[in-house]
């Protein structure tokens, strides 16, 4: 009986394999005296699990695995992110802060810089698109209101949800987050675009500014 990760996948199916076994199938071959499974187990340990691996750059993974295998791992992780962020061919509906966080968490929690994105919603609260409108430290002096709402105006989106990440992993809102959100909410009212919430993404968790009591 083939007890290798690939043999177990063929016999039992992918859901029955561990993270290390699935990763070993991607790696295909071991390194030196280590089997592919041992390399995968070491990689998960050094990278602090799948979420940790997703935060590594191509260069960092290539140093650990070599160029070809690093590319395979990053491609698989990206496919996983995209699968989770899409619900078949139907555009997801955003009714709660949790819906917004689930849509974008895996993609944004591993970013090493702050990204401000705007989830554009139609009249039925279905996602139209999620453009990135700013990269860098968020504050009122550098974030231009016109850029934040530009795509919403072009696409005639009646409502938006603001989302940005904290690279530190702690989603606790800063005073700057509150001030910027209040400014954007007021600007949205003038433009007749409803800002439904501002969700801050941390590492494995998130915070809704609406839930903190901020007036929207």
N, C-alpha and C. Protein backbone atom coordinates (compact mmCIF):
# COMPACT_ATOMS: atom_id res chain seq x y z
N UNK A 1 0.84 -1.20 0.00
CA UNK A 1 0.00 0.00 0.00
C UNK A 1 0.88 1.24 0.00
N UNK A 2 0.56 2.19 -0.87
CA UNK A 2 1.33 3.43 -0.97
C UNK A 2 0.92 4.37 0.15
N UNK A 3 1.85 4.59 1.10
CA UNK A 3 1.54 5.46 2.25
C UNK A 3 2.10 6.87 2.07
N UNK A 4 2.61 7.15 0.87
CA UNK A 4 3.12 8.50 0.61
C UNK A 4 1.95 9.48 0.58
N UNK A 5 2.24 10.80 0.72
CA UNK A 5 1.14 11.77 0.65
C UNK A 5 0.33 11.65 -0.62
N UNK A 6 0.99 11.44 -1.75
CA UNK A 6 0.24 11.31 -3.00
C UNK A 6 -0.61 10.04 -3.00
N UNK A 7 -0.06 8.95 -2.48
CA UNK A 7 -0.82 7.71 -2.41
C UNK A 7 -2.03 7.84 -1.51
N UNK A 8 -1.85 8.53 -0.38
CA UNK A 8 -2.98 8.75 0.53
C UNK A 8 -4.03 9.65 -0.10
N UNK A 9 -3.58 10.64 -0.88
CA UNK A 9 -4.54 11.51 -1.57
C UNK A 9 -5.37 10.71 -2.56
N UNK A 10 -4.71 9.86 -3.33
CA UNK A 10 -5.42 9.05 -4.32
C UNK A 10 -6.42 8.10 -3.67
N UNK A 11 -6.07 7.57 -2.50
CA UNK A 11 -6.93 6.59 -1.84
C UNK A 11 -8.05 7.24 -1.02
N UNK A 12 -7.72 8.32 -0.29
CA UNK A 12 -8.67 8.89 0.67
C UNK A 12 -9.24 10.25 0.25
N UNK A 13 -8.54 10.97 -0.63
CA UNK A 13 -8.98 12.31 -1.01
C UNK A 13 -8.21 13.38 -0.26
N UNK A 14 -8.09 14.56 -0.85
CA UNK A 14 -7.31 15.66 -0.28
C UNK A 14 -7.75 16.10 1.12
N UNK A 15 -9.08 16.11 1.44
CA UNK A 15 -9.48 16.58 2.77
C UNK A 15 -8.91 15.76 3.92
N UNK A 16 -8.46 14.53 3.67
CA UNK A 16 -7.97 13.67 4.73
C UNK A 16 -6.47 13.85 4.99
N UNK A 17 -5.82 14.67 4.18
CA UNK A 17 -4.39 14.88 4.34
C UNK A 17 -4.11 16.06 5.26
N UNK A 18 -2.98 16.00 5.96
CA UNK A 18 -2.55 17.11 6.82
C UNK A 18 -1.99 18.24 5.96
N UNK A 19 -1.80 19.40 6.58
CA UNK A 19 -1.19 20.52 5.86
C UNK A 19 0.18 20.12 5.32
N UNK A 20 0.97 19.40 6.14
CA UNK A 20 2.32 19.01 5.72
C UNK A 20 2.26 18.05 4.53
N UNK A 21 1.31 17.13 4.53
CA UNK A 21 1.20 16.18 3.42
C UNK A 21 0.82 16.89 2.12
N UNK A 22 -0.13 17.82 2.21
CA UNK A 22 -0.52 18.57 1.01
C UNK A 22 0.65 19.41 0.49
N UNK A 23 1.39 20.01 1.41
CA UNK A 23 2.54 20.81 1.01
C UNK A 23 3.63 19.93 0.40
N UNK A 24 3.79 18.73 0.92
CA UNK A 24 4.79 17.80 0.39
C UNK A 24 4.48 17.43 -1.06
N UNK A 25 3.20 17.30 -1.38
CA UNK A 25 2.82 16.99 -2.76
C UNK A 25 3.21 18.13 -3.69
N UNK A 26 3.07 19.36 -3.23
CA UNK A 26 3.50 20.51 -4.02
C UNK A 26 5.02 20.51 -4.22
N UNK A 27 5.75 20.15 -3.16
CA UNK A 27 7.21 20.18 -3.22
C UNK A 27 7.77 19.06 -4.09
N UNK A 28 7.06 17.92 -4.15
CA UNK A 28 7.41 16.76 -4.99
C UNK A 28 8.62 16.00 -4.50
N UNK A 29 9.73 16.68 -4.28
CA UNK A 29 10.95 15.99 -3.88
C UNK A 29 11.50 16.57 -2.59
N UNK A 30 12.28 15.78 -1.90
CA UNK A 30 12.92 16.23 -0.69
C UNK A 30 14.17 17.03 -1.00
N UNK A 31 14.98 17.20 0.03
CA UNK A 31 16.21 17.97 -0.11
C UNK A 31 17.28 17.32 0.76
N UNK A 32 18.39 16.93 0.15
CA UNK A 32 19.43 16.26 0.92
C UNK A 32 18.93 14.95 1.47
N UNK A 33 19.02 14.80 2.78
CA UNK A 33 18.57 13.57 3.43
C UNK A 33 17.12 13.64 3.88
N UNK A 34 16.47 14.78 3.67
CA UNK A 34 15.08 14.95 4.09
C UNK A 34 14.13 14.55 2.97
N UNK A 35 13.03 13.90 3.35
CA UNK A 35 11.97 13.61 2.39
C UNK A 35 11.16 14.87 2.14
N UNK A 36 10.31 14.81 1.11
CA UNK A 36 9.45 15.96 0.83
C UNK A 36 8.56 16.27 2.03
N UNK A 37 8.08 15.23 2.71
CA UNK A 37 7.23 15.43 3.88
C UNK A 37 8.00 16.10 5.02
N UNK A 38 9.24 15.68 5.22
CA UNK A 38 10.05 16.30 6.27
C UNK A 38 10.36 17.75 5.96
N UNK A 39 10.62 18.04 4.68
CA UNK A 39 10.85 19.44 4.28
C UNK A 39 9.59 20.26 4.53
N UNK A 40 8.43 19.69 4.20
CA UNK A 40 7.16 20.40 4.40
C UNK A 40 6.91 20.66 5.88
N UNK A 41 7.18 19.66 6.73
CA UNK A 41 6.98 19.83 8.18
C UNK A 41 7.90 20.91 8.73
N UNK A 42 9.15 20.91 8.27
CA UNK A 42 10.10 21.93 8.72
C UNK A 42 9.68 23.32 8.24
N UNK A 43 9.21 23.39 7.01
CA UNK A 43 8.78 24.67 6.45
C UNK A 43 7.60 25.24 7.23
N UNK A 44 6.65 24.40 7.57
CA UNK A 44 5.49 24.86 8.34
C UNK A 44 5.90 25.31 9.74
N UNK A 45 6.86 24.60 10.33
CA UNK A 45 7.34 24.98 11.66
C UNK A 45 8.08 26.32 11.61
N UNK A 46 9.02 26.45 10.65
CA UNK A 46 9.80 27.69 10.55
C UNK A 46 8.93 28.87 10.13
N UNK A 47 7.93 28.59 9.28
CA UNK A 47 7.07 29.66 8.80
C UNK A 47 5.89 29.95 9.69
N UNK A 48 5.76 29.20 10.80
CA UNK A 48 4.67 29.37 11.76
C UNK A 48 3.31 29.10 11.11
N UNK A 49 3.24 27.97 10.40
CA UNK A 49 1.96 27.53 9.84
C UNK A 49 1.67 28.13 8.48
N UNK A 50 0.49 27.77 7.95
CA UNK A 50 0.11 28.23 6.62
C UNK A 50 -0.02 29.75 6.56
N UNK A 51 -0.59 30.35 7.61
CA UNK A 51 -0.74 31.81 7.60
C UNK A 51 0.63 32.48 7.56
N UNK A 52 1.58 31.91 8.27
CA UNK A 52 2.93 32.46 8.24
C UNK A 52 3.56 32.35 6.87
N UNK A 53 3.37 31.20 6.23
CA UNK A 53 3.91 31.03 4.88
C UNK A 53 3.31 32.04 3.91
N UNK A 54 2.02 32.32 4.08
CA UNK A 54 1.34 33.27 3.19
C UNK A 54 1.90 34.67 3.32
N UNK A 55 2.58 34.95 4.43
CA UNK A 55 3.15 36.30 4.62
C UNK A 55 4.57 36.42 4.07
N UNK A 56 5.17 35.29 3.69
CA UNK A 56 6.53 35.33 3.17
C UNK A 56 6.56 35.81 1.73
N UNK A 57 7.61 36.50 1.39
CA UNK A 57 7.79 36.96 0.01
C UNK A 57 8.35 35.83 -0.84
N UNK A 58 8.32 36.02 -2.15
CA UNK A 58 8.90 35.03 -3.06
C UNK A 58 10.38 34.84 -2.75
N UNK A 59 11.10 35.94 -2.51
CA UNK A 59 12.53 35.85 -2.25
C UNK A 59 12.81 35.04 -0.98
N UNK A 60 12.00 35.25 0.06
CA UNK A 60 12.19 34.51 1.30
C UNK A 60 11.94 33.02 1.11
N UNK A 61 10.86 32.69 0.39
CA UNK A 61 10.57 31.28 0.13
C UNK A 61 11.61 30.65 -0.78
N UNK A 62 12.09 31.40 -1.76
CA UNK A 62 13.09 30.87 -2.68
C UNK A 62 14.38 30.55 -1.95
N UNK A 63 14.74 31.35 -0.95
CA UNK A 63 15.92 31.06 -0.14
C UNK A 63 15.77 29.74 0.61
N UNK A 64 14.54 29.42 1.00
CA UNK A 64 14.27 28.22 1.77
C UNK A 64 14.07 26.98 0.90
N UNK A 65 13.51 27.17 -0.31
CA UNK A 65 13.07 26.03 -1.11
C UNK A 65 13.69 25.96 -2.51
N UNK A 66 14.21 27.07 -2.98
CA UNK A 66 14.59 27.15 -4.39
C UNK A 66 13.49 27.83 -5.18
N UNK A 67 13.84 28.35 -6.33
CA UNK A 67 12.92 29.20 -7.10
C UNK A 67 11.67 28.45 -7.55
N UNK A 68 11.84 27.27 -8.14
CA UNK A 68 10.69 26.57 -8.72
C UNK A 68 9.68 26.15 -7.65
N UNK A 69 10.16 25.59 -6.57
CA UNK A 69 9.23 25.13 -5.53
C UNK A 69 8.60 26.30 -4.79
N UNK A 70 9.34 27.39 -4.62
CA UNK A 70 8.76 28.59 -3.99
C UNK A 70 7.61 29.12 -4.84
N UNK A 71 7.80 29.13 -6.16
CA UNK A 71 6.75 29.59 -7.07
C UNK A 71 5.52 28.71 -6.95
N UNK A 72 5.70 27.39 -6.85
CA UNK A 72 4.57 26.47 -6.73
C UNK A 72 3.78 26.71 -5.45
N UNK A 73 4.50 26.91 -4.35
CA UNK A 73 3.83 27.14 -3.07
C UNK A 73 3.07 28.45 -3.08
N UNK A 74 3.69 29.52 -3.57
CA UNK A 74 3.01 30.82 -3.60
C UNK A 74 1.80 30.78 -4.52
N UNK A 75 1.91 30.08 -5.64
CA UNK A 75 0.77 29.97 -6.55
C UNK A 75 -0.39 29.25 -5.88
N UNK A 76 -0.10 28.18 -5.14
CA UNK A 76 -1.16 27.43 -4.46
C UNK A 76 -1.82 28.27 -3.38
N UNK A 77 -1.02 29.03 -2.63
CA UNK A 77 -1.58 29.89 -1.59
C UNK A 77 -2.47 30.98 -2.18
N UNK A 78 -2.05 31.53 -3.31
CA UNK A 78 -2.84 32.58 -3.96
C UNK A 78 -4.16 32.01 -4.49
N UNK A 79 -4.13 30.80 -5.04
CA UNK A 79 -5.37 30.16 -5.50
C UNK A 79 -6.32 29.96 -4.32
N UNK A 80 -5.78 29.58 -3.17
CA UNK A 80 -6.62 29.41 -1.98
C UNK A 80 -7.26 30.71 -1.56
N UNK A 81 -6.49 31.80 -1.59
CA UNK A 81 -7.05 33.12 -1.25
C UNK A 81 -8.19 33.48 -2.19
N UNK A 82 -7.96 33.28 -3.48
CA UNK A 82 -8.97 33.66 -4.47
C UNK A 82 -10.22 32.82 -4.35
N UNK A 83 -10.07 31.55 -4.05
CA UNK A 83 -11.22 30.67 -3.90
C UNK A 83 -12.10 31.12 -2.75
N UNK A 84 -11.46 31.47 -1.63
CA UNK A 84 -12.22 31.88 -0.45
C UNK A 84 -12.92 33.21 -0.69
N UNK A 85 -12.29 34.09 -1.48
CA UNK A 85 -12.88 35.42 -1.68
C UNK A 85 -13.98 35.44 -2.72
N UNK A 86 -14.24 34.31 -3.36
CA UNK A 86 -15.28 34.26 -4.39
C UNK A 86 -16.30 33.18 -4.06
N UNK A 87 -17.53 33.43 -4.35
CA UNK A 87 -18.59 32.47 -4.12
C UNK A 87 -19.15 32.03 -5.47
N UNK A 88 -18.41 31.10 -6.10
CA UNK A 88 -18.82 30.65 -7.42
C UNK A 88 -18.80 31.82 -8.39
N UNK A 89 -19.78 31.84 -9.27
CA UNK A 89 -19.88 32.93 -10.24
C UNK A 89 -20.72 34.08 -9.70
N UNK A 90 -21.36 33.86 -8.55
CA UNK A 90 -22.23 34.88 -7.99
C UNK A 90 -21.44 35.85 -7.13
N UNK A 91 -21.68 37.12 -7.31
CA UNK A 91 -20.99 38.12 -6.52
C UNK A 91 -21.45 38.04 -5.07
N UNK A 92 -20.52 38.04 -4.11
CA UNK A 92 -20.92 37.95 -2.71
C UNK A 92 -21.72 39.16 -2.25
N UNK A 93 -22.56 38.94 -1.25
CA UNK A 93 -23.37 40.00 -0.66
C UNK A 93 -22.73 40.41 0.67
N UNK A 94 -22.60 41.71 0.90
CA UNK A 94 -22.03 42.22 2.15
C UNK A 94 -23.15 42.85 2.98
N UNK A 95 -23.56 42.15 4.00
CA UNK A 95 -24.61 42.67 4.90
C UNK A 95 -24.06 43.03 6.28
N UNK A 96 -22.93 42.45 6.64
CA UNK A 96 -22.35 42.69 7.97
C UNK A 96 -20.85 42.92 7.84
N UNK A 97 -20.26 43.42 8.91
CA UNK A 97 -18.82 43.59 8.94
C UNK A 97 -18.11 42.25 8.78
N UNK A 98 -18.70 41.20 9.33
CA UNK A 98 -18.10 39.87 9.20
C UNK A 98 -18.05 39.43 7.74
N UNK A 99 -19.09 39.75 6.98
CA UNK A 99 -19.08 39.43 5.55
C UNK A 99 -17.90 40.10 4.86
N UNK A 100 -17.68 41.36 5.18
CA UNK A 100 -16.58 42.11 4.57
C UNK A 100 -15.24 41.53 4.99
N UNK A 101 -15.10 41.21 6.27
CA UNK A 101 -13.84 40.66 6.77
C UNK A 101 -13.54 39.31 6.12
N UNK A 102 -14.56 38.47 6.00
CA UNK A 102 -14.36 37.15 5.39
C UNK A 102 -13.96 37.26 3.93
N UNK A 103 -14.50 38.26 3.26
CA UNK A 103 -14.19 38.44 1.84
C UNK A 103 -12.72 38.75 1.61
N UNK A 104 -12.12 39.49 2.53
CA UNK A 104 -10.82 40.09 2.24
C UNK A 104 -9.71 39.74 3.24
N UNK A 105 -10.08 39.03 4.32
CA UNK A 105 -9.13 38.76 5.40
C UNK A 105 -7.86 38.06 4.94
N UNK A 106 -7.98 36.94 4.23
CA UNK A 106 -6.81 36.16 3.87
C UNK A 106 -5.85 36.95 2.99
N UNK A 107 -6.39 37.80 2.17
CA UNK A 107 -5.56 38.59 1.28
C UNK A 107 -4.84 39.70 2.02
N UNK A 108 -5.53 40.36 2.96
CA UNK A 108 -4.98 41.57 3.56
C UNK A 108 -4.19 41.34 4.84
N UNK A 109 -4.45 40.25 5.55
CA UNK A 109 -3.78 40.08 6.84
C UNK A 109 -2.28 39.85 6.70
N UNK A 110 -1.82 39.44 5.52
CA UNK A 110 -0.40 39.15 5.33
C UNK A 110 0.38 40.31 4.71
N UNK A 111 -0.29 41.42 4.42
CA UNK A 111 0.39 42.55 3.79
C UNK A 111 1.34 43.23 4.77
N UNK A 112 2.48 43.66 4.28
CA UNK A 112 3.49 44.28 5.15
C UNK A 112 3.38 45.80 5.19
N UNK A 113 2.52 46.37 4.35
CA UNK A 113 2.22 47.81 4.40
C UNK A 113 0.72 47.99 4.57
N UNK A 114 0.33 49.15 5.05
CA UNK A 114 -1.10 49.43 5.16
C UNK A 114 -1.68 49.65 3.77
N UNK A 115 -2.78 48.97 3.50
CA UNK A 115 -3.53 49.15 2.25
C UNK A 115 -4.94 49.59 2.61
N UNK A 116 -5.42 50.59 1.95
CA UNK A 116 -6.81 51.01 2.10
C UNK A 116 -7.57 50.57 0.86
N UNK A 117 -8.58 49.74 1.05
CA UNK A 117 -9.41 49.27 -0.06
C UNK A 117 -10.85 49.68 0.18
N UNK A 118 -11.58 49.76 -0.92
CA UNK A 118 -12.98 50.16 -0.85
C UNK A 118 -13.81 49.06 -1.51
N UNK A 119 -14.69 48.43 -0.74
CA UNK A 119 -15.60 47.44 -1.29
C UNK A 119 -16.79 48.19 -1.87
N UNK A 120 -16.90 48.20 -3.20
CA UNK A 120 -18.00 48.89 -3.86
C UNK A 120 -19.22 47.97 -3.90
N UNK A 121 -20.37 48.48 -3.48
CA UNK A 121 -21.59 47.68 -3.42
C UNK A 121 -22.69 48.29 -4.28
N UNK A 122 -23.48 47.41 -4.90
CA UNK A 122 -24.63 47.92 -5.65
C UNK A 122 -25.83 48.08 -4.72
N UNK A 123 -26.98 48.37 -5.29
CA UNK A 123 -28.16 48.65 -4.47
C UNK A 123 -28.63 47.44 -3.66
N UNK A 124 -28.24 46.23 -4.08
CA UNK A 124 -28.62 45.02 -3.35
C UNK A 124 -27.51 44.55 -2.42
N UNK A 125 -26.47 45.37 -2.27
CA UNK A 125 -25.32 45.09 -1.41
C UNK A 125 -24.42 43.99 -1.96
N UNK A 126 -24.49 43.74 -3.27
CA UNK A 126 -23.56 42.79 -3.90
C UNK A 126 -22.27 43.52 -4.27
N UNK A 127 -21.16 42.80 -4.16
CA UNK A 127 -19.86 43.39 -4.43
C UNK A 127 -19.70 43.67 -5.92
N UNK A 128 -19.32 44.89 -6.24
CA UNK A 128 -19.04 45.27 -7.62
C UNK A 128 -17.55 45.14 -7.93
N UNK A 129 -16.73 45.62 -7.03
CA UNK A 129 -15.28 45.47 -7.15
C UNK A 129 -14.66 45.92 -5.83
N UNK A 130 -13.35 45.65 -5.68
CA UNK A 130 -12.65 46.02 -4.44
C UNK A 130 -11.32 46.69 -4.82
N UNK A 131 -11.36 47.94 -5.24
CA UNK A 131 -10.12 48.61 -5.62
C UNK A 131 -9.27 49.01 -4.41
N UNK A 132 -7.96 48.97 -4.59
CA UNK A 132 -7.02 49.52 -3.60
C UNK A 132 -6.85 51.00 -3.93
N UNK A 133 -7.12 51.85 -2.94
CA UNK A 133 -7.08 53.29 -3.22
C UNK A 133 -5.89 53.99 -2.58
N UNK A 134 -5.21 53.29 -1.67
CA UNK A 134 -4.05 53.93 -1.04
C UNK A 134 -3.16 52.85 -0.42
N UNK A 135 -1.84 53.05 -0.50
CA UNK A 135 -0.87 52.18 0.15
C UNK A 135 0.10 53.05 0.93
N UNK A 136 0.25 52.76 2.22
CA UNK A 136 1.13 53.55 3.08
C UNK A 136 0.43 53.84 4.39
N UNK A 137 1.06 54.61 5.25
CA UNK A 137 0.47 54.95 6.55
C UNK A 137 -0.75 55.85 6.35
N UNK A 138 -1.87 55.42 6.92
CA UNK A 138 -3.11 56.16 6.72
C UNK A 138 -3.19 57.35 7.67
N UNK A 139 -3.38 58.53 7.12
CA UNK A 139 -3.71 59.70 7.94
C UNK A 139 -4.40 60.72 7.05
N UNK A 140 -5.04 61.66 7.67
CA UNK A 140 -5.89 62.61 6.95
C UNK A 140 -5.11 63.51 6.01
N UNK A 141 -3.81 63.69 6.26
CA UNK A 141 -3.05 64.62 5.44
C UNK A 141 -2.62 64.02 4.11
N UNK A 142 -2.60 62.68 4.01
CA UNK A 142 -2.11 62.06 2.77
C UNK A 142 -3.19 61.32 2.00
N UNK A 143 -4.25 60.88 2.68
CA UNK A 143 -5.31 60.15 1.99
C UNK A 143 -6.25 61.17 1.35
N UNK A 144 -6.34 61.12 0.03
CA UNK A 144 -7.17 62.08 -0.69
C UNK A 144 -8.59 61.54 -0.85
N UNK A 145 -9.56 62.31 -0.40
CA UNK A 145 -10.96 61.90 -0.46
C UNK A 145 -11.37 61.58 -1.89
N UNK A 146 -10.88 62.37 -2.83
CA UNK A 146 -11.25 62.15 -4.24
C UNK A 146 -10.84 60.77 -4.72
N UNK A 147 -9.66 60.30 -4.28
CA UNK A 147 -9.19 58.98 -4.68
C UNK A 147 -10.00 57.87 -4.03
N UNK A 148 -10.38 58.07 -2.78
CA UNK A 148 -11.16 57.06 -2.06
C UNK A 148 -12.49 56.80 -2.76
N UNK A 149 -13.12 57.86 -3.23
CA UNK A 149 -14.47 57.73 -3.80
C UNK A 149 -14.48 57.71 -5.33
N UNK A 150 -13.31 57.81 -5.95
CA UNK A 150 -13.27 57.94 -7.41
C UNK A 150 -13.95 56.75 -8.11
N UNK A 151 -13.59 55.52 -7.74
CA UNK A 151 -14.17 54.35 -8.40
C UNK A 151 -15.66 54.22 -8.09
N UNK A 152 -16.04 54.59 -6.87
CA UNK A 152 -17.46 54.52 -6.49
C UNK A 152 -18.28 55.47 -7.36
N UNK A 153 -17.73 56.64 -7.65
CA UNK A 153 -18.43 57.61 -8.50
C UNK A 153 -18.50 57.10 -9.93
N UNK A 154 -17.37 56.57 -10.44
CA UNK A 154 -17.33 56.07 -11.81
C UNK A 154 -18.31 54.91 -11.99
N UNK A 155 -18.36 54.02 -11.00
CA UNK A 155 -19.21 52.82 -11.11
C UNK A 155 -20.63 53.08 -10.61
N UNK A 156 -20.88 54.31 -10.13
CA UNK A 156 -22.21 54.66 -9.61
C UNK A 156 -22.61 53.74 -8.47
N UNK A 157 -21.68 53.47 -7.57
CA UNK A 157 -21.95 52.60 -6.42
C UNK A 157 -22.65 53.41 -5.33
N UNK A 158 -23.81 52.96 -4.85
CA UNK A 158 -24.53 53.72 -3.83
C UNK A 158 -23.99 53.54 -2.41
N UNK A 159 -23.17 52.50 -2.21
CA UNK A 159 -22.67 52.23 -0.86
C UNK A 159 -21.28 51.60 -0.94
N UNK A 160 -20.51 51.82 0.10
CA UNK A 160 -19.16 51.24 0.17
C UNK A 160 -18.86 50.79 1.60
N UNK A 161 -17.91 49.89 1.71
CA UNK A 161 -17.33 49.53 2.99
C UNK A 161 -15.83 49.78 2.88
N UNK A 162 -15.29 50.56 3.79
CA UNK A 162 -13.85 50.82 3.81
C UNK A 162 -13.15 49.68 4.55
N UNK A 163 -12.01 49.27 4.05
CA UNK A 163 -11.23 48.22 4.71
C UNK A 163 -9.76 48.58 4.65
N UNK A 164 -9.07 48.50 5.79
CA UNK A 164 -7.62 48.61 5.73
C UNK A 164 -7.01 47.67 6.77
N UNK A 165 -5.74 47.39 6.59
CA UNK A 165 -5.05 46.42 7.46
C UNK A 165 -4.06 47.12 8.37
N UNK A 166 -3.76 46.46 9.48
CA UNK A 166 -2.68 46.87 10.37
C UNK A 166 -1.57 45.83 10.27
N UNK A 167 -0.46 46.13 9.64
CA UNK A 167 0.62 45.14 9.48
C UNK A 167 1.13 44.58 10.80
N UNK A 168 0.94 45.31 11.90
CA UNK A 168 1.38 44.81 13.21
C UNK A 168 0.60 43.57 13.63
N UNK A 169 -0.57 43.35 13.00
CA UNK A 169 -1.41 42.22 13.37
C UNK A 169 -2.48 42.57 14.39
N UNK A 170 -2.37 43.75 15.02
CA UNK A 170 -3.35 44.20 16.02
C UNK A 170 -4.34 45.14 15.33
N UNK A 171 -5.63 44.76 15.25
CA UNK A 171 -6.60 45.60 14.54
C UNK A 171 -7.20 46.73 15.37
N UNK A 172 -6.70 46.94 16.57
CA UNK A 172 -7.26 48.00 17.42
C UNK A 172 -7.18 49.35 16.71
N UNK A 173 -8.30 50.06 16.57
CA UNK A 173 -8.30 51.34 15.84
C UNK A 173 -7.48 52.40 16.56
N UNK A 174 -6.78 53.21 15.79
CA UNK A 174 -6.05 54.34 16.35
C UNK A 174 -6.94 55.58 16.30
N UNK A 175 -6.50 56.64 16.96
CA UNK A 175 -7.25 57.90 16.89
C UNK A 175 -7.29 58.40 15.45
N UNK A 176 -6.22 58.16 14.71
CA UNK A 176 -6.17 58.57 13.30
C UNK A 176 -7.20 57.79 12.49
N UNK A 177 -7.38 56.51 12.82
CA UNK A 177 -8.39 55.70 12.12
C UNK A 177 -9.78 56.28 12.33
N UNK A 178 -10.08 56.66 13.57
CA UNK A 178 -11.39 57.24 13.86
C UNK A 178 -11.57 58.58 13.13
N UNK A 179 -10.55 59.43 13.20
CA UNK A 179 -10.66 60.75 12.58
C UNK A 179 -10.83 60.65 11.06
N UNK A 180 -10.03 59.79 10.44
CA UNK A 180 -10.12 59.63 9.00
C UNK A 180 -11.48 59.07 8.60
N UNK A 181 -11.98 58.11 9.37
CA UNK A 181 -13.28 57.52 9.06
C UNK A 181 -14.40 58.55 9.14
N UNK A 182 -14.39 59.36 10.19
CA UNK A 182 -15.41 60.40 10.32
C UNK A 182 -15.38 61.35 9.13
N UNK A 183 -14.18 61.70 8.67
CA UNK A 183 -14.04 62.59 7.53
C UNK A 183 -14.60 61.95 6.26
N UNK A 184 -14.32 60.65 6.07
CA UNK A 184 -14.79 59.96 4.87
C UNK A 184 -16.29 59.72 4.91
N UNK A 185 -16.83 59.47 6.08
CA UNK A 185 -18.28 59.29 6.20
C UNK A 185 -19.00 60.58 5.81
N UNK A 186 -18.51 61.73 6.30
CA UNK A 186 -19.12 63.01 5.97
C UNK A 186 -18.99 63.31 4.47
N UNK A 187 -17.84 62.97 3.90
CA UNK A 187 -17.65 63.19 2.46
C UNK A 187 -18.61 62.31 1.66
N UNK A 188 -18.81 61.08 2.12
CA UNK A 188 -19.73 60.19 1.44
C UNK A 188 -21.15 60.74 1.43
N UNK A 189 -21.56 61.35 2.51
CA UNK A 189 -22.90 61.94 2.57
C UNK A 189 -23.06 63.05 1.54
N UNK A 190 -22.02 63.85 1.38
CA UNK A 190 -22.08 64.93 0.39
C UNK A 190 -22.15 64.38 -1.03
N UNK A 191 -21.52 63.22 -1.23
CA UNK A 191 -21.50 62.60 -2.56
C UNK A 191 -22.67 61.65 -2.78
N UNK A 192 -23.51 61.50 -1.76
CA UNK A 192 -24.64 60.56 -1.81
C UNK A 192 -24.15 59.11 -1.97
N UNK A 193 -23.04 58.81 -1.30
CA UNK A 193 -22.51 57.45 -1.24
C UNK A 193 -22.43 57.05 0.23
N UNK A 194 -23.16 56.02 0.59
CA UNK A 194 -23.24 55.62 1.98
C UNK A 194 -22.01 54.79 2.39
N UNK A 195 -21.29 55.27 3.39
CA UNK A 195 -20.19 54.50 3.96
C UNK A 195 -20.79 53.64 5.07
N UNK A 196 -20.90 52.35 4.82
CA UNK A 196 -21.58 51.45 5.75
C UNK A 196 -20.73 51.08 6.96
N UNK A 197 -19.41 50.99 6.77
CA UNK A 197 -18.54 50.58 7.87
C UNK A 197 -17.10 50.79 7.45
N UNK A 198 -16.23 50.72 8.42
CA UNK A 198 -14.78 50.70 8.18
C UNK A 198 -14.24 49.54 8.99
N UNK A 199 -13.74 48.52 8.30
CA UNK A 199 -13.26 47.30 8.94
C UNK A 199 -11.74 47.30 8.92
N UNK A 200 -11.14 47.08 10.08
CA UNK A 200 -9.69 47.01 10.19
C UNK A 200 -9.28 45.56 10.33
N UNK A 201 -8.37 45.13 9.47
CA UNK A 201 -7.94 43.74 9.43
C UNK A 201 -6.63 43.57 10.20
N UNK A 202 -6.62 42.64 11.15
CA UNK A 202 -5.39 42.27 11.83
C UNK A 202 -4.95 40.89 11.38
N UNK A 203 -4.17 40.23 12.17
CA UNK A 203 -3.70 38.89 11.82
C UNK A 203 -4.63 37.86 12.46
N UNK A 204 -5.57 37.38 11.65
CA UNK A 204 -6.52 36.39 12.16
C UNK A 204 -7.71 36.99 12.87
N UNK A 205 -7.79 38.32 12.94
CA UNK A 205 -8.95 38.96 13.57
C UNK A 205 -9.19 40.32 12.91
N UNK A 206 -10.27 40.97 13.32
CA UNK A 206 -10.65 42.23 12.69
C UNK A 206 -11.53 43.03 13.66
N UNK A 207 -11.68 44.32 13.35
CA UNK A 207 -12.52 45.21 14.16
C UNK A 207 -13.39 46.04 13.23
N UNK A 208 -14.67 46.17 13.58
CA UNK A 208 -15.60 47.05 12.87
C UNK A 208 -15.70 48.37 13.62
N UNK A 209 -15.41 49.48 12.94
CA UNK A 209 -15.54 50.78 13.61
C UNK A 209 -16.99 51.11 13.90
N UNK A 210 -17.91 50.59 13.10
CA UNK A 210 -19.33 50.78 13.42
C UNK A 210 -19.66 50.14 14.76
N UNK A 211 -19.10 48.96 15.00
CA UNK A 211 -19.38 48.27 16.25
C UNK A 211 -18.77 48.96 17.47
N UNK A 212 -17.77 49.82 17.23
CA UNK A 212 -17.17 50.55 18.37
C UNK A 212 -18.04 51.72 18.80
N UNK A 213 -19.09 52.02 18.02
CA UNK A 213 -19.98 53.12 18.37
C UNK A 213 -19.79 54.35 17.53
N UNK A 214 -18.86 54.32 16.58
CA UNK A 214 -18.66 55.47 15.70
C UNK A 214 -19.92 55.69 14.86
N UNK A 215 -20.32 56.93 14.73
CA UNK A 215 -21.57 57.24 14.01
C UNK A 215 -21.35 57.18 12.50
N UNK A 216 -22.16 56.37 11.83
CA UNK A 216 -22.10 56.25 10.38
C UNK A 216 -23.38 56.79 9.76
